[in-house]
């Protein structure tokens, strides 16, 4: 009987830990609000609350209401 090829594996689910790969490659202001929040979460998890606050302040100045709500909650978490 012919051997059946294995089914293709599903692509990996993006995880917040992918965000540090963006550091130094894309200016923070060029990231979408969602990516800024992800990157801020990565900074918090790494213990760099100052960098996280800077990013979250940029999100608060933006026009995305969902991202602003998340940023507000995250800022409360680290202050």
Protein backbone atom coordinates (compact mmCIF):
# COMPACT_ATOMS: atom_id res chain seq x y z
CA UNK A 1 0.00 0.00 0.00
CA UNK A 2 1.30 3.52 -0.77
CA UNK A 3 2.49 5.55 2.18
CA UNK A 4 0.24 8.51 2.94
CA UNK A 5 2.05 11.81 3.58
CA UNK A 6 1.52 13.31 7.00
CA UNK A 7 -1.03 16.11 7.10
CA UNK A 8 0.51 19.58 7.14
CA UNK A 9 1.08 21.01 10.59
CA UNK A 10 -0.93 24.05 11.59
CA UNK A 11 1.11 27.26 11.72
CA UNK A 12 2.13 28.21 15.25
CA UNK A 13 -0.25 30.49 17.08
CA UNK A 14 1.29 33.95 17.54
CA UNK A 15 2.20 34.61 21.13
CA UNK A 16 3.14 37.82 22.90
CA UNK A 17 6.70 36.56 23.18
CA UNK A 18 7.09 37.28 19.47
CA UNK A 19 6.89 41.00 20.27
CA UNK A 20 10.52 41.38 21.50
CA UNK A 21 11.64 40.44 17.99
CA UNK A 22 10.23 43.81 16.92
CA UNK A 23 12.52 45.76 19.25
CA UNK A 24 14.86 47.93 17.23
CA UNK A 25 13.42 46.87 13.88
CA UNK A 26 10.26 48.97 13.68
CA UNK A 27 9.80 52.38 15.28
CA UNK A 28 7.15 52.08 18.01
CA UNK A 29 5.07 54.83 16.43
CA UNK A 30 4.81 52.74 13.24
CA UNK A 31 3.28 49.78 15.08
CA UNK A 32 -0.47 49.30 15.23
CA UNK A 33 -2.03 49.98 18.64
CA UNK A 34 -2.54 46.24 19.12
CA UNK A 35 1.15 45.55 18.45
CA UNK A 36 2.15 48.38 20.79
CA UNK A 37 0.04 46.76 23.53
CA UNK A 38 1.66 43.38 22.82
CA UNK A 39 5.12 44.92 22.98
CA UNK A 40 4.24 46.75 26.21
CA UNK A 41 3.11 43.43 27.73
CA UNK A 42 6.43 41.88 26.74
CA UNK A 43 8.28 44.77 28.39
CA UNK A 44 6.23 44.31 31.57
CA UNK A 45 6.98 40.62 31.60
CA UNK A 46 10.68 41.44 31.19
CA UNK A 47 10.48 43.90 34.09
CA UNK A 48 10.96 47.06 32.01
CA UNK A 49 7.92 49.01 33.21
CA UNK A 50 9.36 52.32 31.99
CA UNK A 51 9.42 51.21 28.35
CA UNK A 52 5.97 49.68 28.77
CA UNK A 53 4.58 52.94 30.16
CA UNK A 54 6.01 54.91 27.24
CA UNK A 55 4.33 52.60 24.73
CA UNK A 56 1.05 52.56 26.63
CA UNK A 57 1.02 56.37 26.78
CA UNK A 58 1.33 56.40 22.97
CA UNK A 59 -1.63 54.01 22.74
CA UNK A 60 -3.68 56.29 25.04
CA UNK A 61 -2.99 59.19 22.67
CA UNK A 62 -4.32 57.17 19.71
CA UNK A 63 -7.81 56.75 18.33
CA UNK A 64 -8.37 53.01 18.91
CA UNK A 65 -10.88 52.82 21.80
CA UNK A 66 -10.28 49.13 22.51
CA UNK A 67 -6.51 49.57 22.62
CA UNK A 68 -6.91 52.66 24.84
CA UNK A 69 -9.06 50.66 27.28
CA UNK A 70 -6.48 47.87 27.43
CA UNK A 71 -3.64 50.38 27.84
CA UNK A 72 -5.47 52.07 30.72
CA UNK A 73 -5.89 48.76 32.53
CA UNK A 74 -2.26 47.81 31.92
CA UNK A 75 -1.02 51.15 33.23
CA UNK A 76 -3.04 50.62 36.42
CA UNK A 77 -1.45 47.18 36.73
CA UNK A 78 2.12 48.54 36.68
CA UNK A 79 1.67 51.75 38.68
